Amino acid sequence: MNEQMNRALYIGCALLLLVLAFTSFFSLYRDYRDYASRVREYTDTPGVATMETFSGCFGDMTGHEVANLLLARRRTDRERILNSLYEDTAGPSEFGELPELVIDGESYEDFRLESIDPDGTYQADIRFNAYGRPVRIEIRGR
C-alpha cells in the first residue's frame, strides 16, 4: 500500500510539473509576441526628429557592376511576373518594394545594356526614406 501511495504521488507531481511547464511556455510565448509586435509598431512609425529623405553617395561602380545590377533587376522583374501568374493570391513580394533604378537619366527598363562601358566608372547615389529603406538609385557615368 505504501509503495502504491509513493507511485501515485510521483505520477501526480510529474503531471503537475508537466502542466506547469506547458502553461509557462505558452504564457511566455504570448508575452514575447506582444513585445515583438510593440517593437515592430514602434520602429515602423516615424519619430519626431526623422528626416523625410536622406540622400547618400554610394560611391564608384565599374561598368561590370552596373551591368550586373541591371541584369539582376530585370531578372527579378521577370520572376515577379512569372510568380504572379502562378500564385493564387497576390501577397507581398519576398523583398518588399524594390527601389527605383535610374541609369544615366533613363529608367532601367528603357536603358540599353550595350551602352554600358564595361571598363568605365559610374557614380551611384542612393535616396533613402525615413525608415532607412532605399527608394531611388541613380547611376551616372563619369
C-alpha atoms as a PDB file:
ATOM      1  CA  MET A   1       0.000   0.000   0.000  1.00  0.00           C
ATOM      2  CA  ASN A   2       2.852   2.367   0.881  1.00  0.00           C
ATOM      3  CA  GLU A   3       4.509   1.656  -2.493  1.00  0.00           C
ATOM      4  CA  GLN A   4       1.294   2.469  -4.362  1.00  0.00           C
ATOM      5  CA  MET A   5       0.978   5.772  -2.497  1.00  0.00           C
ATOM      6  CA  ASN A   6       4.546   6.700  -3.435  1.00  0.00           C
ATOM      7  CA  ARG A   7       3.892   5.853  -7.077  1.00  0.00           C
ATOM      8  CA  ALA A   8       0.659   7.902  -7.095  1.00  0.00           C
ATOM      9  CA  LEU A   9       2.455  10.892  -5.536  1.00  0.00           C
ATOM     10  CA  TYR A  10       5.297  10.685  -8.100  1.00  0.00           C
ATOM     11  CA  ILE A  11       2.861  10.492 -11.018  1.00  0.00           C
ATOM     12  CA  GLY A  12       0.825  13.365  -9.586  1.00  0.00           C
ATOM     13  CA  CYS A  13       3.920  15.547  -9.166  1.00  0.00           C
ATOM     14  CA  ALA A  14       5.138  14.675 -12.672  1.00  0.00           C
ATOM     15  CA  LEU A  15       1.773  15.619 -14.170  1.00  0.00           C
ATOM     16  CA  LEU A  16       1.708  18.851 -12.160  1.00  0.00           C
ATOM     17  CA  LEU A  17       5.206  19.785 -13.396  1.00  0.00           C
ATOM     18  CA  LEU A  18       4.224  18.940 -16.981  1.00  0.00           C
ATOM     19  CA  VAL A  19       1.128  21.132 -16.805  1.00  0.00           C
ATOM     20  CA  LEU A  20       3.191  23.923 -15.217  1.00  0.00           C
ATOM     21  CA  ALA A  21       5.818  23.682 -17.987  1.00  0.00           C
ATOM     22  CA  PHE A  22       3.228  23.899 -20.770  1.00  0.00           C
ATOM     23  CA  THR A  23       1.434  26.776 -19.053  1.00  0.00           C
ATOM     24  CA  SER A  24       4.605  28.804 -18.550  1.00  0.00           C
ATOM     25  CA  PHE A  25       5.757  28.126 -22.136  1.00  0.00           C
ATOM     26  CA  PHE A  26       2.554  29.403 -23.720  1.00  0.00           C
ATOM     27  CA  SER A  27       2.324  32.330 -21.320  1.00  0.00           C
ATOM     28  CA  LEU A  28       5.893  33.439 -22.059  1.00  0.00           C
ATOM     29  CA  TYR A  29       5.381  32.897 -25.779  1.00  0.00           C
ATOM     30  CA  ARG A  30       2.326  35.167 -25.744  1.00  0.00           C
ATOM     31  CA  ASP A  31       4.293  37.820 -23.831  1.00  0.00           C
ATOM     32  CA  TYR A  32       7.106  37.566 -26.381  1.00  0.00           C
ATOM     33  CA  ARG A  33       4.669  38.008 -29.275  1.00  0.00           C
ATOM     34  CA  ASP A  34       3.168  41.082 -27.593  1.00  0.00           C
ATOM     35  CA  TYR A  35       6.640  42.523 -27.043  1.00  0.00           C
ATOM     36  CA  ALA A  36       7.688  41.837 -30.645  1.00  0.00           C
ATOM     37  CA  SER A  37       4.539  43.477 -32.017  1.00  0.00           C
ATOM     38  CA  ARG A  38       5.099  46.562 -29.840  1.00  0.00           C
ATOM     39  CA  VAL A  39       8.694  46.851 -31.079  1.00  0.00           C
ATOM     40  CA  ARG A  40       7.568  46.446 -34.690  1.00  0.00           C
ATOM     41  CA  GLU A  41       4.902  49.148 -34.247  1.00  0.00           C
ATOM     42  CA  TYR A  42       7.414  51.466 -32.605  1.00  0.00           C
ATOM     43  CA  THR A  43      10.079  51.068 -35.288  1.00  0.00           C
ATOM     44  CA  ASP A  44       7.626  51.412 -38.184  1.00  0.00           C
ATOM     45  CA  THR A  45       6.325  54.788 -37.046  1.00  0.00           C
ATOM     46  CA  PRO A  46       8.487  57.825 -37.729  1.00  0.00           C
ATOM     47  CA  GLY A  47       9.754  59.672 -34.708  1.00  0.00           C
ATOM     48  CA  VAL A  48       9.669  63.379 -34.062  1.00  0.00           C
ATOM     49  CA  ALA A  49      13.107  64.143 -35.499  1.00  0.00           C
ATOM     50  CA  THR A  50      13.187  61.865 -38.553  1.00  0.00           C
ATOM     51  CA  MET A  51      14.101  63.194 -41.960  1.00  0.00           C
ATOM     52  CA  GLU A  52      11.791  62.739 -44.918  1.00  0.00           C
ATOM     53  CA  THR A  53      14.559  61.555 -47.217  1.00  0.00           C
ATOM     54  CA  PHE A  54      18.267  61.081 -46.954  1.00  0.00           C
ATOM     55  CA  SER A  55      20.492  61.282 -49.962  1.00  0.00           C
ATOM     56  CA  GLY A  56      23.707  59.355 -49.691  1.00  0.00           C
ATOM     57  CA  CYS A  57      26.554  58.748 -52.048  1.00  0.00           C
ATOM     58  CA  PHE A  58      27.133  55.045 -52.611  1.00  0.00           C
ATOM     59  CA  GLY A  59      30.443  55.534 -54.381  1.00  0.00           C
ATOM     60  CA  ASP A  60      32.085  54.419 -57.561  1.00  0.00           C
ATOM     61  CA  MET A  61      30.963  51.400 -59.543  1.00  0.00           C
ATOM     62  CA  THR A  62      32.530  49.742 -62.544  1.00  0.00           C
ATOM     63  CA  GLY A  63      30.637  49.059 -65.739  1.00  0.00           C
ATOM     64  CA  HIS A  64      30.576  45.359 -64.883  1.00  0.00           C
ATOM     65  CA  GLU A  65      28.828  46.073 -61.580  1.00  0.00           C
ATOM     66  CA  VAL A  66      26.276  48.332 -63.266  1.00  0.00           C
ATOM     67  CA  ALA A  67      25.572  45.667 -65.902  1.00  0.00           C
ATOM     68  CA  ASN A  68      25.175  43.006 -63.189  1.00  0.00           C
ATOM     69  CA  LEU A  69      22.801  45.264 -61.239  1.00  0.00           C
ATOM     70  CA  LEU A  70      20.751  45.948 -64.362  1.00  0.00           C
ATOM     71  CA  LEU A  71      20.533  42.255 -65.292  1.00  0.00           C
ATOM     72  CA  ALA A  72      19.646  41.244 -61.725  1.00  0.00           C
ATOM     73  CA  ARG A  73      16.857  43.822 -61.594  1.00  0.00           C
ATOM     74  CA  ARG A  74      15.427  42.668 -64.912  1.00  0.00           C
ATOM     75  CA  ARG A  75      15.604  39.032 -63.764  1.00  0.00           C
ATOM     76  CA  THR A  76      13.783  39.960 -60.548  1.00  0.00           C
ATOM     77  CA  ASP A  77      11.038  41.695 -62.527  1.00  0.00           C
ATOM     78  CA  ARG A  78      10.683  38.677 -64.784  1.00  0.00           C
ATOM     79  CA  GLU A  79      10.441  36.341 -61.776  1.00  0.00           C
ATOM     80  CA  ARG A  80       7.795  38.558 -60.169  1.00  0.00           C
ATOM     81  CA  ILE A  81       5.698  38.458 -63.336  1.00  0.00           C
ATOM     82  CA  LEU A  82       6.001  34.678 -63.594  1.00  0.00           C
ATOM     83  CA  ASN A  83       5.212  34.197 -59.914  1.00  0.00           C
ATOM     84  CA  SER A  84       2.142  36.392 -60.182  1.00  0.00           C
ATOM     85  CA  LEU A  85       0.841  34.161 -62.981  1.00  0.00           C
ATOM     86  CA  TYR A  86       1.022  31.020 -60.850  1.00  0.00           C
ATOM     87  CA  GLU A  87       0.168  32.311 -57.390  1.00  0.00           C
ATOM     88  CA  ASP A  88      -3.412  32.186 -56.153  1.00  0.00           C
ATOM     89  CA  THR A  89      -3.152  35.322 -54.062  1.00  0.00           C
ATOM     90  CA  ALA A  90      -1.102  38.400 -54.722  1.00  0.00           C
ATOM     91  CA  GLY A  91       0.764  38.646 -51.432  1.00  0.00           C
ATOM     92  CA  PRO A  92       3.725  40.818 -50.594  1.00  0.00           C
ATOM     93  CA  SER A  93       6.905  40.130 -52.506  1.00  0.00           C
ATOM     94  CA  GLU A  94       9.894  38.406 -50.996  1.00  0.00           C
ATOM     95  CA  PHE A  95      11.990  41.566 -50.682  1.00  0.00           C
ATOM     96  CA  GLY A  96       9.263  44.169 -50.462  1.00  0.00           C
ATOM     97  CA  GLU A  97       9.186  47.134 -52.780  1.00  0.00           C
ATOM     98  CA  LEU A  98      12.360  47.484 -54.818  1.00  0.00           C
ATOM     99  CA  PRO A  99      13.924  50.922 -55.224  1.00  0.00           C
ATOM    100  CA  GLU A 100      13.562  52.848 -58.459  1.00  0.00           C
ATOM    101  CA  LEU A 101      16.664  52.335 -60.618  1.00  0.00           C
ATOM    102  CA  VAL A 102      17.761  55.130 -62.968  1.00  0.00           C
ATOM    103  CA  ILE A 103      20.870  54.853 -65.145  1.00  0.00           C
ATOM    104  CA  ASP A 104      22.126  57.985 -66.908  1.00  0.00           C
ATOM    105  CA  GLY A 105      18.707  59.623 -66.583  1.00  0.00           C
ATOM    106  CA  GLU A 106      16.776  56.674 -68.051  1.00  0.00           C
ATOM    107  CA  SER A 107      14.725  54.036 -66.306  1.00  0.00           C
ATOM    108  CA  TYR A 108      16.386  50.641 -66.148  1.00  0.00           C
ATOM    109  CA  GLU A 109      13.548  49.238 -68.267  1.00  0.00           C
ATOM    110  CA  ASP A 110      14.419  51.547 -71.172  1.00  0.00           C
ATOM    111  CA  PHE A 111      18.188  51.540 -70.738  1.00  0.00           C
ATOM    112  CA  ARG A 112      20.183  49.533 -73.280  1.00  0.00           C
ATOM    113  CA  LEU A 113      22.750  47.155 -71.849  1.00  0.00           C
ATOM    114  CA  GLU A 114      25.028  47.702 -74.863  1.00  0.00           C
ATOM    115  CA  SER A 115      25.550  51.352 -73.932  1.00  0.00           C
ATOM    116  CA  ILE A 116      27.368  50.418 -70.697  1.00  0.00           C
ATOM    117  CA  ASP A 117      31.153  50.686 -70.942  1.00  0.00           C
ATOM    118  CA  PRO A 118      32.469  47.624 -69.033  1.00  0.00           C
ATOM    119  CA  ASP A 119      35.699  49.395 -68.090  1.00  0.00           C
ATOM    120  CA  GLY A 120      34.021  52.722 -67.329  1.00  0.00           C
ATOM    121  CA  THR A 121      33.436  54.238 -63.929  1.00  0.00           C
ATOM    122  CA  TYR A 122      29.959  55.136 -62.693  1.00  0.00           C
ATOM    123  CA  GLN A 123      28.767  57.175 -59.726  1.00  0.00           C
ATOM    124  CA  ALA A 124      25.830  55.812 -57.710  1.00  0.00           C
ATOM    125  CA  ASP A 125      23.626  57.989 -55.480  1.00  0.00           C
ATOM    126  CA  ILE A 126      21.034  56.347 -53.258  1.00  0.00           C
ATOM    127  CA  ARG A 127      17.985  58.081 -51.729  1.00  0.00           C
ATOM    128  CA  PHE A 128      16.523  56.621 -48.537  1.00  0.00           C
ATOM    129  CA  ASN A 129      13.115  57.168 -46.994  1.00  0.00           C
ATOM    130  CA  ALA A 130      12.506  57.938 -43.323  1.00  0.00           C
ATOM    131  CA  TYR A 131      12.638  54.237 -42.441  1.00  0.00           C
ATOM    132  CA  GLY A 132      16.108  53.756 -43.937  1.00  0.00           C
ATOM    133  CA  ARG A 133      14.922  51.831 -46.977  1.00  0.00           C
ATOM    134  CA  PRO A 134      16.350  52.806 -50.368  1.00  0.00           C
ATOM    135  CA  VAL A 135      13.723  54.320 -52.658  1.00  0.00           C
ATOM    136  CA  ARG A 136      15.801  55.536 -55.613  1.00  0.00           C
ATOM    137  CA  ILE A 137      19.194  54.581 -57.039  1.00  0.00           C
ATOM    138  CA  GLU A 138      20.672  56.981 -59.580  1.00  0.00           C
ATOM    139  CA  ILE A 139      23.707  55.818 -61.532  1.00  0.00           C
ATOM    140  CA  ARG A 140      25.601  58.285 -63.711  1.00  0.00           C
ATOM    141  CA  GLY A 141      28.567  57.665 -65.967  1.00  0.00           C
ATOM    142  CA  ARG A 142      31.728  59.686 -65.482  1.00  0.00           C
END
